[in-house]
N, C-alpha and C. Protein backbone atom coordinates (compact mmCIF):
# COMPACT_ATOMS: atom_id res chain seq x y z
N MET A 1 -17.77 -3.38 -5.39
CA MET A 1 -17.37 -4.64 -6.00
C MET A 1 -17.73 -5.77 -5.05
N HIS A 2 -18.41 -6.79 -5.54
CA HIS A 2 -18.88 -7.87 -4.69
C HIS A 2 -18.16 -9.16 -5.05
N THR A 3 -17.69 -9.88 -4.03
CA THR A 3 -17.04 -11.17 -4.24
C THR A 3 -17.70 -12.19 -3.33
N LYS A 4 -17.70 -13.43 -3.76
CA LYS A 4 -18.29 -14.49 -2.95
C LYS A 4 -17.38 -14.83 -1.79
N LYS A 5 -17.99 -15.18 -0.68
CA LYS A 5 -17.22 -15.59 0.49
C LYS A 5 -16.52 -16.91 0.18
N PRO A 6 -15.19 -16.99 0.43
CA PRO A 6 -14.45 -18.22 0.11
C PRO A 6 -14.99 -19.41 0.88
N LYS A 7 -14.98 -20.57 0.24
CA LYS A 7 -15.41 -21.80 0.88
C LYS A 7 -14.23 -22.45 1.61
N ALA A 8 -14.54 -23.09 2.70
CA ALA A 8 -13.50 -23.79 3.46
C ALA A 8 -13.03 -25.02 2.71
N SER A 9 -11.77 -25.40 2.95
CA SER A 9 -11.21 -26.58 2.32
C SER A 9 -10.36 -27.31 3.35
N ARG A 10 -10.56 -28.61 3.47
CA ARG A 10 -9.76 -29.37 4.44
C ARG A 10 -8.29 -29.38 4.05
N ALA A 11 -8.04 -29.41 2.75
CA ALA A 11 -6.65 -29.46 2.28
C ALA A 11 -5.95 -28.11 2.45
N ASP A 12 -6.71 -27.03 2.35
CA ASP A 12 -6.14 -25.68 2.44
C ASP A 12 -7.10 -24.81 3.25
N PRO A 13 -7.17 -25.03 4.56
CA PRO A 13 -8.18 -24.36 5.38
C PRO A 13 -7.98 -22.85 5.51
N ILE A 14 -9.07 -22.15 5.76
CA ILE A 14 -9.03 -20.72 6.03
C ILE A 14 -8.53 -20.52 7.45
N LEU A 15 -7.48 -19.69 7.61
CA LEU A 15 -6.91 -19.45 8.93
C LEU A 15 -7.40 -18.15 9.55
N ALA A 16 -7.80 -17.20 8.70
CA ALA A 16 -8.33 -15.92 9.19
C ALA A 16 -9.20 -15.32 8.11
N SER A 17 -10.22 -14.57 8.54
CA SER A 17 -11.16 -14.02 7.57
C SER A 17 -11.64 -12.66 8.03
N LEU A 18 -11.70 -11.72 7.08
CA LEU A 18 -12.25 -10.39 7.30
C LEU A 18 -13.19 -10.06 6.14
N SER A 19 -14.44 -9.74 6.46
CA SER A 19 -15.39 -9.40 5.41
C SER A 19 -15.35 -10.49 4.34
N LYS A 20 -15.03 -10.11 3.08
CA LYS A 20 -14.95 -11.08 1.99
C LYS A 20 -13.51 -11.55 1.76
N ASN A 21 -12.57 -11.08 2.57
CA ASN A 21 -11.16 -11.42 2.38
C ASN A 21 -10.73 -12.48 3.37
N ALA A 22 -10.18 -13.57 2.85
CA ALA A 22 -9.75 -14.68 3.71
C ALA A 22 -8.32 -15.08 3.38
N LEU A 23 -7.65 -15.59 4.40
CA LEU A 23 -6.31 -16.15 4.20
C LEU A 23 -6.35 -17.64 4.48
N ARG A 24 -5.85 -18.41 3.52
CA ARG A 24 -5.75 -19.85 3.67
C ARG A 24 -4.35 -20.24 4.16
N MET A 25 -4.20 -21.48 4.52
CA MET A 25 -2.91 -21.97 5.00
C MET A 25 -1.82 -21.73 3.96
N SER A 26 -2.14 -21.97 2.68
CA SER A 26 -1.14 -21.79 1.63
C SER A 26 -0.70 -20.34 1.50
N ASP A 27 -1.61 -19.39 1.79
CA ASP A 27 -1.25 -17.96 1.77
C ASP A 27 -0.30 -17.64 2.92
N VAL A 28 -0.65 -18.09 4.11
CA VAL A 28 0.14 -17.79 5.30
C VAL A 28 1.53 -18.42 5.21
N GLN A 29 1.63 -19.56 4.55
CA GLN A 29 2.94 -20.20 4.38
C GLN A 29 3.92 -19.31 3.63
N LEU A 30 3.40 -18.39 2.81
CA LEU A 30 4.27 -17.46 2.08
C LEU A 30 4.98 -16.48 3.02
N LEU A 31 4.42 -16.30 4.21
CA LEU A 31 5.03 -15.40 5.18
C LEU A 31 6.23 -16.03 5.87
N HIS A 32 6.36 -17.36 5.76
CA HIS A 32 7.49 -18.07 6.35
C HIS A 32 8.61 -18.16 5.31
N GLY A 33 9.62 -17.34 5.49
CA GLY A 33 10.74 -17.46 4.57
C GLY A 33 10.65 -16.52 3.36
N PRO A 34 11.58 -16.69 2.45
CA PRO A 34 11.74 -15.74 1.33
C PRO A 34 10.77 -15.98 0.18
N HIS A 35 9.54 -15.54 0.35
CA HIS A 35 8.55 -15.72 -0.71
C HIS A 35 7.87 -14.39 -1.05
N TRP A 36 7.50 -14.26 -2.30
CA TRP A 36 6.75 -13.10 -2.80
C TRP A 36 5.33 -13.18 -2.26
N LEU A 37 4.79 -12.08 -1.73
CA LEU A 37 3.44 -12.09 -1.20
C LEU A 37 2.42 -12.06 -2.33
N ASN A 38 1.34 -12.81 -2.18
CA ASN A 38 0.32 -12.86 -3.23
C ASN A 38 -0.79 -11.83 -2.98
N ASP A 39 -1.75 -11.78 -3.91
CA ASP A 39 -2.86 -10.83 -3.80
C ASP A 39 -3.62 -11.02 -2.50
N ALA A 40 -3.82 -12.28 -2.11
CA ALA A 40 -4.65 -12.56 -0.94
C ALA A 40 -4.11 -11.90 0.32
N ILE A 41 -2.79 -11.91 0.50
CA ILE A 41 -2.20 -11.33 1.71
C ILE A 41 -2.36 -9.81 1.70
N LEU A 42 -2.09 -9.17 0.57
CA LEU A 42 -2.26 -7.72 0.52
C LEU A 42 -3.73 -7.33 0.62
N ASN A 43 -4.61 -8.08 -0.03
CA ASN A 43 -6.05 -7.81 0.10
C ASN A 43 -6.46 -7.88 1.57
N PHE A 44 -6.00 -8.92 2.25
CA PHE A 44 -6.36 -9.14 3.64
C PHE A 44 -5.83 -8.01 4.53
N TYR A 45 -4.59 -7.61 4.31
CA TYR A 45 -4.01 -6.58 5.17
C TYR A 45 -4.69 -5.23 4.96
N PHE A 46 -5.00 -4.89 3.71
CA PHE A 46 -5.71 -3.64 3.46
C PHE A 46 -7.12 -3.69 4.06
N ALA A 47 -7.75 -4.86 4.03
CA ALA A 47 -9.05 -5.02 4.68
C ALA A 47 -8.91 -4.84 6.19
N TYR A 48 -7.83 -5.35 6.76
CA TYR A 48 -7.56 -5.17 8.20
C TYR A 48 -7.43 -3.69 8.54
N LEU A 49 -6.68 -2.95 7.73
CA LEU A 49 -6.53 -1.51 7.98
C LEU A 49 -7.88 -0.80 7.91
N GLU A 50 -8.67 -1.17 6.92
CA GLU A 50 -9.98 -0.53 6.71
C GLU A 50 -10.99 -0.90 7.79
N GLU A 51 -11.06 -2.19 8.13
CA GLU A 51 -12.15 -2.69 8.96
C GLU A 51 -11.83 -2.71 10.45
N ILE A 52 -10.55 -2.71 10.79
CA ILE A 52 -10.19 -2.83 12.20
C ILE A 52 -9.33 -1.66 12.68
N LYS A 53 -8.13 -1.54 12.14
CA LYS A 53 -7.20 -0.54 12.67
C LYS A 53 -7.71 0.89 12.50
N TYR A 54 -8.29 1.18 11.33
CA TYR A 54 -8.79 2.54 11.07
C TYR A 54 -10.30 2.56 10.84
N LYS A 55 -10.98 1.69 11.52
CA LYS A 55 -12.43 1.58 11.34
C LYS A 55 -13.15 2.90 11.62
N SER A 56 -12.68 3.64 12.63
CA SER A 56 -13.34 4.89 13.01
C SER A 56 -12.82 6.10 12.24
N ASN A 57 -11.84 5.89 11.38
CA ASN A 57 -11.25 7.00 10.61
C ASN A 57 -11.92 7.08 9.25
N THR A 58 -12.77 8.07 9.06
CA THR A 58 -13.51 8.21 7.80
C THR A 58 -12.72 8.96 6.73
N ASP A 59 -11.49 9.37 7.06
CA ASP A 59 -10.66 10.10 6.09
C ASP A 59 -9.92 9.16 5.13
N PHE A 60 -9.82 7.88 5.50
CA PHE A 60 -9.01 6.95 4.73
C PHE A 60 -9.87 5.98 3.91
N LEU A 61 -9.40 5.69 2.70
CA LEU A 61 -9.94 4.58 1.92
C LEU A 61 -8.77 3.71 1.49
N PHE A 62 -8.86 2.42 1.74
CA PHE A 62 -7.80 1.48 1.38
C PHE A 62 -8.27 0.67 0.17
N VAL A 63 -7.54 0.81 -0.93
CA VAL A 63 -7.89 0.16 -2.19
C VAL A 63 -7.03 -1.09 -2.35
N THR A 64 -7.66 -2.24 -2.28
CA THR A 64 -6.94 -3.51 -2.37
C THR A 64 -6.39 -3.74 -3.77
N PRO A 65 -5.40 -4.62 -3.91
CA PRO A 65 -4.90 -4.97 -5.24
C PRO A 65 -6.00 -5.47 -6.17
N GLU A 66 -6.91 -6.25 -5.63
CA GLU A 66 -8.02 -6.77 -6.42
C GLU A 66 -8.85 -5.63 -7.00
N MET A 67 -9.12 -4.64 -6.16
CA MET A 67 -9.92 -3.49 -6.57
C MET A 67 -9.16 -2.59 -7.54
N SER A 68 -7.88 -2.33 -7.27
CA SER A 68 -7.11 -1.44 -8.14
C SER A 68 -6.92 -2.04 -9.53
N GLN A 69 -6.79 -3.37 -9.60
CA GLN A 69 -6.64 -4.02 -10.89
C GLN A 69 -7.89 -3.84 -11.74
N CYS A 70 -9.05 -3.92 -11.10
CA CYS A 70 -10.31 -3.70 -11.82
C CYS A 70 -10.44 -2.24 -12.26
N MET A 71 -10.02 -1.33 -11.40
CA MET A 71 -10.15 0.10 -11.70
C MET A 71 -9.37 0.50 -12.94
N LEU A 72 -8.29 -0.20 -13.20
CA LEU A 72 -7.45 0.12 -14.35
C LEU A 72 -8.21 -0.01 -15.66
N TYR A 73 -9.22 -0.89 -15.69
CA TYR A 73 -9.93 -1.18 -16.93
C TYR A 73 -11.37 -0.66 -16.93
N MET A 74 -11.75 0.10 -15.92
CA MET A 74 -13.11 0.63 -15.84
C MET A 74 -13.22 1.97 -16.57
N ASP A 75 -14.40 2.24 -17.12
CA ASP A 75 -14.65 3.57 -17.68
C ASP A 75 -15.17 4.47 -16.57
N ASP A 76 -15.40 5.74 -16.88
CA ASP A 76 -15.78 6.71 -15.85
C ASP A 76 -17.08 6.34 -15.14
N LYS A 77 -18.02 5.80 -15.89
CA LYS A 77 -19.31 5.43 -15.29
C LYS A 77 -19.12 4.30 -14.27
N GLU A 78 -18.32 3.32 -14.63
CA GLU A 78 -18.06 2.20 -13.72
C GLU A 78 -17.27 2.67 -12.50
N LEU A 79 -16.28 3.53 -12.73
CA LEU A 79 -15.48 4.06 -11.63
C LEU A 79 -16.33 4.89 -10.68
N HIS A 80 -17.24 5.67 -11.24
CA HIS A 80 -18.11 6.49 -10.41
C HIS A 80 -18.97 5.60 -9.52
N GLY A 81 -19.51 4.52 -10.10
CA GLY A 81 -20.32 3.60 -9.31
C GLY A 81 -19.55 2.96 -8.18
N LEU A 82 -18.31 2.57 -8.47
CA LEU A 82 -17.48 1.90 -7.47
C LEU A 82 -16.97 2.87 -6.41
N LEU A 83 -16.33 3.95 -6.87
CA LEU A 83 -15.62 4.84 -5.95
C LEU A 83 -16.51 5.88 -5.30
N VAL A 84 -17.39 6.49 -6.08
CA VAL A 84 -18.21 7.58 -5.55
C VAL A 84 -19.47 7.04 -4.86
N SER A 85 -20.23 6.21 -5.57
CA SER A 85 -21.48 5.71 -5.00
C SER A 85 -21.24 4.70 -3.88
N GLN A 86 -20.32 3.76 -4.11
CA GLN A 86 -20.13 2.69 -3.14
C GLN A 86 -19.20 3.07 -1.99
N HIS A 87 -18.13 3.82 -2.30
CA HIS A 87 -17.11 4.12 -1.28
C HIS A 87 -17.02 5.59 -0.88
N GLN A 88 -17.91 6.44 -1.39
CA GLN A 88 -17.95 7.88 -1.01
C GLN A 88 -16.56 8.52 -1.09
N VAL A 89 -15.87 8.27 -2.20
CA VAL A 89 -14.48 8.68 -2.30
C VAL A 89 -14.31 10.20 -2.30
N LEU A 90 -15.31 10.93 -2.71
CA LEU A 90 -15.17 12.39 -2.74
C LEU A 90 -15.13 12.98 -1.34
N ARG A 91 -15.50 12.19 -0.34
CA ARG A 91 -15.42 12.64 1.05
C ARG A 91 -14.14 12.16 1.73
N LYS A 92 -13.31 11.44 1.00
CA LYS A 92 -12.09 10.85 1.58
C LYS A 92 -10.87 11.70 1.19
N PRO A 93 -10.20 12.31 2.16
CA PRO A 93 -9.00 13.08 1.84
C PRO A 93 -7.82 12.23 1.38
N PHE A 94 -7.79 10.95 1.81
CA PHE A 94 -6.63 10.11 1.52
C PHE A 94 -7.06 8.73 1.02
N LEU A 95 -6.44 8.31 -0.09
CA LEU A 95 -6.64 6.97 -0.64
C LEU A 95 -5.30 6.26 -0.68
N PHE A 96 -5.27 5.02 -0.20
CA PHE A 96 -4.07 4.20 -0.21
C PHE A 96 -4.31 3.06 -1.19
N ILE A 97 -3.55 3.03 -2.27
CA ILE A 97 -3.82 2.13 -3.38
C ILE A 97 -2.63 1.21 -3.63
N ALA A 98 -2.85 -0.09 -3.47
CA ALA A 98 -1.81 -1.07 -3.80
C ALA A 98 -1.87 -1.33 -5.31
N VAL A 99 -0.74 -1.15 -5.98
CA VAL A 99 -0.69 -1.26 -7.44
C VAL A 99 0.22 -2.41 -7.86
N ASN A 100 -0.26 -3.19 -8.81
CA ASN A 100 0.50 -4.30 -9.36
C ASN A 100 0.85 -3.98 -10.81
N ASP A 101 1.95 -4.55 -11.30
CA ASP A 101 2.38 -4.26 -12.67
C ASP A 101 1.78 -5.21 -13.71
N SER A 102 0.76 -5.97 -13.31
CA SER A 102 0.10 -6.88 -14.26
C SER A 102 -0.52 -6.09 -15.41
N GLN A 103 -0.41 -6.63 -16.60
CA GLN A 103 -0.95 -5.97 -17.79
C GLN A 103 -2.26 -6.60 -18.24
N SER A 104 -2.93 -7.32 -17.35
CA SER A 104 -4.21 -7.93 -17.70
C SER A 104 -5.19 -7.75 -16.56
N ARG A 105 -6.45 -8.09 -16.81
CA ARG A 105 -7.48 -7.99 -15.78
C ARG A 105 -7.32 -9.07 -14.71
N GLU A 106 -6.62 -10.12 -15.05
CA GLU A 106 -6.46 -11.24 -14.12
C GLU A 106 -5.36 -10.95 -13.11
N ARG A 107 -5.37 -11.73 -12.03
CA ARG A 107 -4.30 -11.61 -11.05
C ARG A 107 -2.98 -11.99 -11.68
N GLY A 108 -1.92 -11.38 -11.20
CA GLY A 108 -0.61 -11.70 -11.76
C GLY A 108 0.34 -10.55 -11.55
N GLY A 109 1.30 -10.40 -12.45
CA GLY A 109 2.29 -9.36 -12.29
C GLY A 109 3.44 -9.83 -11.41
N ALA A 110 4.46 -8.97 -11.30
CA ALA A 110 5.67 -9.37 -10.58
C ALA A 110 6.14 -8.33 -9.57
N HIS A 111 5.41 -7.22 -9.43
CA HIS A 111 5.89 -6.18 -8.53
C HIS A 111 4.73 -5.36 -7.97
N TRP A 112 4.84 -5.03 -6.67
CA TRP A 112 3.87 -4.18 -5.99
C TRP A 112 4.49 -2.83 -5.67
N SER A 113 3.67 -1.78 -5.72
CA SER A 113 4.07 -0.48 -5.20
C SER A 113 2.83 0.18 -4.58
N LEU A 114 3.02 1.34 -3.98
CA LEU A 114 1.93 2.02 -3.27
C LEU A 114 1.72 3.42 -3.82
N VAL A 115 0.48 3.73 -4.15
CA VAL A 115 0.09 5.09 -4.53
C VAL A 115 -0.80 5.64 -3.43
N VAL A 116 -0.49 6.86 -2.98
CA VAL A 116 -1.33 7.54 -1.99
C VAL A 116 -1.87 8.81 -2.63
N ALA A 117 -3.19 8.87 -2.78
CA ALA A 117 -3.85 10.07 -3.30
C ALA A 117 -4.18 10.96 -2.11
N SER A 118 -3.65 12.18 -2.13
CA SER A 118 -3.83 13.10 -1.01
C SER A 118 -4.47 14.40 -1.50
N ARG A 119 -5.69 14.64 -1.09
CA ARG A 119 -6.35 15.90 -1.45
C ARG A 119 -5.68 17.10 -0.80
N PRO A 120 -5.31 17.03 0.51
CA PRO A 120 -4.65 18.19 1.11
C PRO A 120 -3.34 18.57 0.41
N ASP A 121 -2.60 17.56 -0.08
CA ASP A 121 -1.33 17.83 -0.76
C ASP A 121 -1.50 18.07 -2.26
N LYS A 122 -2.75 17.86 -2.76
CA LYS A 122 -3.02 17.98 -4.19
C LYS A 122 -2.04 17.13 -5.01
N SER A 123 -1.85 15.89 -4.55
CA SER A 123 -0.83 15.04 -5.17
C SER A 123 -1.23 13.57 -5.13
N PHE A 124 -0.67 12.84 -6.10
CA PHE A 124 -0.62 11.38 -6.06
C PHE A 124 0.83 11.00 -5.77
N PHE A 125 1.08 10.47 -4.60
CA PHE A 125 2.42 10.09 -4.21
C PHE A 125 2.65 8.62 -4.57
N HIS A 126 3.79 8.35 -5.21
CA HIS A 126 4.11 6.97 -5.58
C HIS A 126 5.34 6.51 -4.82
N PHE A 127 5.18 5.41 -4.08
CA PHE A 127 6.26 4.82 -3.29
C PHE A 127 6.61 3.46 -3.89
N ASP A 128 7.80 3.35 -4.45
CA ASP A 128 8.20 2.14 -5.17
C ASP A 128 9.55 1.67 -4.64
N SER A 129 9.57 0.46 -4.10
CA SER A 129 10.78 -0.06 -3.46
C SER A 129 11.76 -0.71 -4.44
N TYR A 130 11.47 -0.61 -5.73
CA TYR A 130 12.35 -1.26 -6.72
C TYR A 130 12.69 -0.29 -7.86
N GLY A 131 13.25 0.82 -7.48
CA GLY A 131 13.79 1.76 -8.45
C GLY A 131 12.78 2.39 -9.40
N GLY A 132 11.56 2.52 -8.95
CA GLY A 132 10.54 3.15 -9.79
C GLY A 132 10.06 2.29 -10.93
N SER A 133 10.27 0.98 -10.83
CA SER A 133 9.91 0.10 -11.95
C SER A 133 8.41 0.02 -12.20
N ASN A 134 7.61 0.44 -11.20
CA ASN A 134 6.16 0.38 -11.35
C ASN A 134 5.55 1.74 -11.69
N THR A 135 6.39 2.69 -12.07
CA THR A 135 5.91 4.04 -12.36
C THR A 135 4.90 4.05 -13.50
N SER A 136 5.16 3.31 -14.55
CA SER A 136 4.27 3.30 -15.72
C SER A 136 2.88 2.79 -15.35
N SER A 137 2.81 1.67 -14.63
CA SER A 137 1.52 1.11 -14.22
C SER A 137 0.78 2.04 -13.29
N SER A 138 1.51 2.69 -12.38
CA SER A 138 0.89 3.59 -11.43
C SER A 138 0.35 4.84 -12.12
N LEU A 139 1.12 5.36 -13.07
CA LEU A 139 0.66 6.53 -13.84
C LEU A 139 -0.58 6.20 -14.65
N GLU A 140 -0.61 5.02 -15.23
CA GLU A 140 -1.76 4.58 -16.00
C GLU A 140 -3.02 4.54 -15.13
N LEU A 141 -2.88 4.01 -13.92
CA LEU A 141 -4.02 3.95 -13.02
C LEU A 141 -4.45 5.35 -12.59
N VAL A 142 -3.49 6.17 -12.21
CA VAL A 142 -3.81 7.54 -11.79
C VAL A 142 -4.54 8.30 -12.88
N ASN A 143 -4.05 8.20 -14.10
CA ASN A 143 -4.69 8.90 -15.22
C ASN A 143 -6.11 8.41 -15.48
N ASN A 144 -6.37 7.15 -15.12
CA ASN A 144 -7.71 6.60 -15.34
C ASN A 144 -8.71 7.02 -14.26
N ILE A 145 -8.21 7.35 -13.06
CA ILE A 145 -9.13 7.63 -11.95
C ILE A 145 -9.18 9.10 -11.52
N LYS A 146 -8.24 9.92 -11.96
CA LYS A 146 -8.13 11.27 -11.40
C LYS A 146 -9.36 12.14 -11.68
N ASP A 147 -10.02 11.96 -12.83
CA ASP A 147 -11.21 12.75 -13.12
C ASP A 147 -12.35 12.38 -12.18
N VAL A 148 -12.56 11.07 -11.97
CA VAL A 148 -13.62 10.62 -11.08
C VAL A 148 -13.35 11.05 -9.64
N LEU A 149 -12.08 11.10 -9.27
CA LEU A 149 -11.71 11.56 -7.92
C LEU A 149 -11.79 13.07 -7.77
N ASP A 150 -12.02 13.77 -8.89
CA ASP A 150 -12.00 15.23 -8.92
C ASP A 150 -10.64 15.76 -8.48
N MET A 151 -9.58 15.09 -8.98
CA MET A 151 -8.21 15.48 -8.69
C MET A 151 -7.43 15.65 -10.01
N GLN A 152 -8.09 16.30 -10.98
CA GLN A 152 -7.51 16.44 -12.32
C GLN A 152 -6.18 17.20 -12.30
N HIS A 153 -6.02 18.11 -11.36
CA HIS A 153 -4.83 18.96 -11.35
C HIS A 153 -3.79 18.53 -10.32
N ALA A 154 -4.02 17.37 -9.71
CA ALA A 154 -3.05 16.86 -8.74
C ALA A 154 -1.79 16.38 -9.44
N ARG A 155 -0.66 16.57 -8.78
CA ARG A 155 0.63 16.16 -9.35
C ARG A 155 0.90 14.69 -9.04
N PHE A 156 1.63 14.04 -9.94
CA PHE A 156 2.14 12.69 -9.68
C PHE A 156 3.57 12.84 -9.21
N ARG A 157 3.86 12.32 -8.02
CA ARG A 157 5.16 12.55 -7.40
C ARG A 157 5.80 11.22 -6.99
N GLY A 158 6.92 10.89 -7.63
CA GLY A 158 7.69 9.73 -7.23
C GLY A 158 8.47 10.05 -5.97
N MET A 159 8.28 9.25 -4.92
CA MET A 159 8.86 9.58 -3.62
C MET A 159 10.08 8.71 -3.28
N ARG A 160 10.99 9.32 -2.57
CA ARG A 160 12.16 8.58 -2.08
C ARG A 160 11.71 7.61 -0.99
N CYS A 161 12.10 6.36 -1.12
CA CYS A 161 11.72 5.37 -0.11
C CYS A 161 12.78 4.29 -0.03
N LEU A 162 12.74 3.51 1.04
CA LEU A 162 13.68 2.41 1.22
C LEU A 162 13.55 1.43 0.06
N GLN A 163 14.70 1.02 -0.49
CA GLN A 163 14.69 0.07 -1.61
C GLN A 163 14.88 -1.36 -1.10
N GLN A 164 14.17 -2.28 -1.70
CA GLN A 164 14.25 -3.67 -1.25
C GLN A 164 15.62 -4.26 -1.59
N SER A 165 16.07 -5.16 -0.73
CA SER A 165 17.40 -5.74 -0.88
C SER A 165 17.36 -7.09 -1.58
N ASN A 166 16.17 -7.47 -2.09
CA ASN A 166 16.01 -8.74 -2.79
C ASN A 166 14.90 -8.57 -3.83
N ASP A 167 14.50 -9.66 -4.49
CA ASP A 167 13.50 -9.54 -5.53
C ASP A 167 12.12 -10.05 -5.11
N TYR A 168 11.91 -10.25 -3.79
CA TYR A 168 10.63 -10.82 -3.36
C TYR A 168 9.92 -10.03 -2.26
N ASP A 169 10.51 -8.96 -1.74
CA ASP A 169 9.93 -8.27 -0.59
C ASP A 169 9.09 -7.04 -0.94
N CYS A 170 8.71 -6.87 -2.21
CA CYS A 170 7.95 -5.67 -2.58
C CYS A 170 6.62 -5.58 -1.82
N GLY A 171 5.94 -6.73 -1.64
CA GLY A 171 4.68 -6.73 -0.92
C GLY A 171 4.84 -6.33 0.53
N ILE A 172 5.90 -6.81 1.17
CA ILE A 172 6.20 -6.43 2.55
C ILE A 172 6.47 -4.93 2.63
N HIS A 173 7.19 -4.39 1.66
CA HIS A 173 7.46 -2.95 1.62
C HIS A 173 6.17 -2.16 1.51
N VAL A 174 5.24 -2.61 0.65
CA VAL A 174 3.96 -1.91 0.48
C VAL A 174 3.19 -1.90 1.81
N ILE A 175 3.13 -3.05 2.49
CA ILE A 175 2.42 -3.14 3.76
C ILE A 175 3.06 -2.23 4.81
N CYS A 176 4.39 -2.26 4.90
CA CYS A 176 5.09 -1.43 5.88
C CYS A 176 4.95 0.06 5.56
N MET A 177 5.01 0.41 4.27
CA MET A 177 4.84 1.81 3.90
C MET A 177 3.42 2.29 4.20
N ALA A 178 2.44 1.44 3.95
CA ALA A 178 1.05 1.79 4.27
C ALA A 178 0.92 2.05 5.77
N ASP A 179 1.53 1.21 6.59
CA ASP A 179 1.52 1.41 8.04
C ASP A 179 2.13 2.76 8.42
N GLN A 180 3.32 3.00 7.89
CA GLN A 180 4.05 4.21 8.28
C GLN A 180 3.34 5.48 7.81
N ILE A 181 2.85 5.46 6.58
CA ILE A 181 2.24 6.67 6.02
C ILE A 181 0.90 6.97 6.68
N THR A 182 0.10 5.93 6.96
CA THR A 182 -1.17 6.18 7.64
C THR A 182 -0.94 6.77 9.03
N ASP A 183 0.07 6.26 9.73
CA ASP A 183 0.39 6.80 11.05
C ASP A 183 0.83 8.26 10.94
N TYR A 184 1.65 8.56 9.93
CA TYR A 184 2.12 9.93 9.73
C TYR A 184 0.96 10.86 9.38
N VAL A 185 0.12 10.43 8.45
CA VAL A 185 -1.02 11.25 8.03
C VAL A 185 -1.99 11.47 9.19
N ASN A 186 -2.16 10.48 10.03
CA ASN A 186 -3.04 10.60 11.20
C ASN A 186 -2.60 11.74 12.11
N ARG A 187 -1.29 11.97 12.14
CA ARG A 187 -0.75 13.02 13.02
C ARG A 187 -0.64 14.37 12.34
N TYR A 188 -0.33 14.37 11.02
CA TYR A 188 0.00 15.63 10.36
C TYR A 188 -0.96 16.03 9.23
N ASP A 189 -1.92 15.18 8.90
CA ASP A 189 -2.89 15.49 7.83
C ASP A 189 -2.19 15.82 6.51
N SER A 190 -1.08 15.19 6.26
CA SER A 190 -0.31 15.41 5.03
C SER A 190 0.62 14.23 4.83
N VAL A 191 0.94 13.96 3.56
CA VAL A 191 1.93 12.92 3.24
C VAL A 191 3.32 13.54 3.13
N ASP A 192 3.38 14.79 2.75
CA ASP A 192 4.67 15.48 2.61
C ASP A 192 5.46 15.41 3.91
N GLY A 193 6.71 15.01 3.80
CA GLY A 193 7.59 14.97 4.95
C GLY A 193 7.76 13.60 5.57
N VAL A 194 6.98 12.61 5.10
CA VAL A 194 7.14 11.27 5.64
C VAL A 194 8.53 10.74 5.30
N GLN A 195 9.14 10.07 6.26
CA GLN A 195 10.52 9.59 6.09
C GLN A 195 10.54 8.15 5.58
N PRO A 196 11.62 7.75 4.91
CA PRO A 196 11.74 6.36 4.45
C PRO A 196 11.76 5.37 5.62
N LEU A 197 11.36 4.16 5.33
CA LEU A 197 11.37 3.09 6.33
C LEU A 197 12.80 2.74 6.73
N HIS A 198 12.92 2.08 7.89
CA HIS A 198 14.18 1.47 8.29
C HIS A 198 14.12 -0.02 7.96
N GLN A 199 15.26 -0.60 7.62
CA GLN A 199 15.33 -2.00 7.24
C GLN A 199 14.82 -2.93 8.33
N ASP A 200 14.99 -2.54 9.59
CA ASP A 200 14.54 -3.37 10.71
C ASP A 200 13.03 -3.57 10.68
N VAL A 201 12.31 -2.57 10.20
CA VAL A 201 10.84 -2.66 10.12
C VAL A 201 10.45 -3.74 9.12
N ILE A 202 11.17 -3.78 8.01
CA ILE A 202 10.91 -4.79 6.97
C ILE A 202 11.19 -6.19 7.51
N LYS A 203 12.31 -6.34 8.19
CA LYS A 203 12.72 -7.65 8.70
C LYS A 203 11.73 -8.21 9.71
N ALA A 204 11.11 -7.34 10.48
CA ALA A 204 10.22 -7.79 11.55
C ALA A 204 8.79 -8.06 11.07
N LYS A 205 8.44 -7.58 9.89
CA LYS A 205 7.03 -7.55 9.51
C LYS A 205 6.42 -8.92 9.26
N ARG A 206 7.17 -9.84 8.68
CA ARG A 206 6.59 -11.17 8.39
C ARG A 206 6.11 -11.86 9.67
N ASN A 207 6.93 -11.82 10.72
CA ASN A 207 6.53 -12.43 11.99
C ASN A 207 5.34 -11.69 12.60
N GLN A 208 5.30 -10.38 12.44
CA GLN A 208 4.17 -9.61 12.95
C GLN A 208 2.88 -9.98 12.22
N LEU A 209 2.98 -10.21 10.92
CA LEU A 209 1.80 -10.60 10.15
C LEU A 209 1.31 -11.98 10.55
N ILE A 210 2.23 -12.90 10.80
CA ILE A 210 1.85 -14.24 11.25
C ILE A 210 1.11 -14.16 12.58
N LYS A 211 1.60 -13.33 13.49
CA LYS A 211 0.93 -13.15 14.79
C LYS A 211 -0.44 -12.51 14.61
N LEU A 212 -0.55 -11.56 13.68
CA LEU A 212 -1.84 -10.91 13.42
C LEU A 212 -2.87 -11.93 12.90
N VAL A 213 -2.43 -12.77 11.97
CA VAL A 213 -3.31 -13.80 11.41
C VAL A 213 -3.76 -14.76 12.52
N THR A 214 -2.83 -15.12 13.40
CA THR A 214 -3.17 -16.01 14.52
C THR A 214 -4.21 -15.38 15.42
N THR A 215 -4.03 -14.10 15.72
CA THR A 215 -4.98 -13.38 16.59
C THR A 215 -6.36 -13.28 15.94
N LEU A 216 -6.39 -12.87 14.68
CA LEU A 216 -7.67 -12.71 13.99
C LEU A 216 -8.32 -14.06 13.72
N GLY A 217 -7.50 -15.08 13.53
CA GLY A 217 -8.01 -16.41 13.26
C GLY A 217 -8.76 -17.03 14.42
N GLN A 218 -8.54 -16.51 15.63
CA GLN A 218 -9.23 -17.03 16.80
C GLN A 218 -10.72 -16.71 16.78
N HIS A 219 -11.11 -15.78 15.89
CA HIS A 219 -12.51 -15.37 15.84
C HIS A 219 -13.28 -16.08 14.75
N ILE A 220 -12.64 -17.01 14.03
CA ILE A 220 -13.35 -17.75 12.96
C ILE A 220 -14.29 -18.77 13.59
């Protein structure tokens, strides 16, 4: 999937950029205080995991919200072109997919959750911080991609995870869960057995993200 590189704006300047994913001042302002994270922040963080933190790890594929939203409406031929030809997904034991509950091709929706496709576990694990409210959207996506992934017989498993204490931290939960699960999988080559997050991890993450953006922004 190809996107144009964002243009700079004096009114809303780019503070950090990775590949085709950029964060503007208005995006970063969402990290200050009680705000719902937008697509741009999750896209950027998944790009960071792919391009920097796990650059040398060929076992992982990180599917951004932008990409997963498109996948929901693709047919098998389009999915094959994107996932198999472009991203060599059949060689990837683990896929980390940010899922939104939007019912259209456009950006939107009101809730994020995380799906992890694990070939070693023969499972699609679903981590939802809001009582499984995103189960339907996640199942729809899984059913659309499992044949192309050659995971037709994999189970869909709703996993126990820390529940958010408000109505705006779902994106932070997805980012923190992605961090924790990738670290766990790196050590054990399995998702089974990963423990729920601690609330302290959630509370600290916004400031950590602001520091990360500041660090990466120095290279613009």
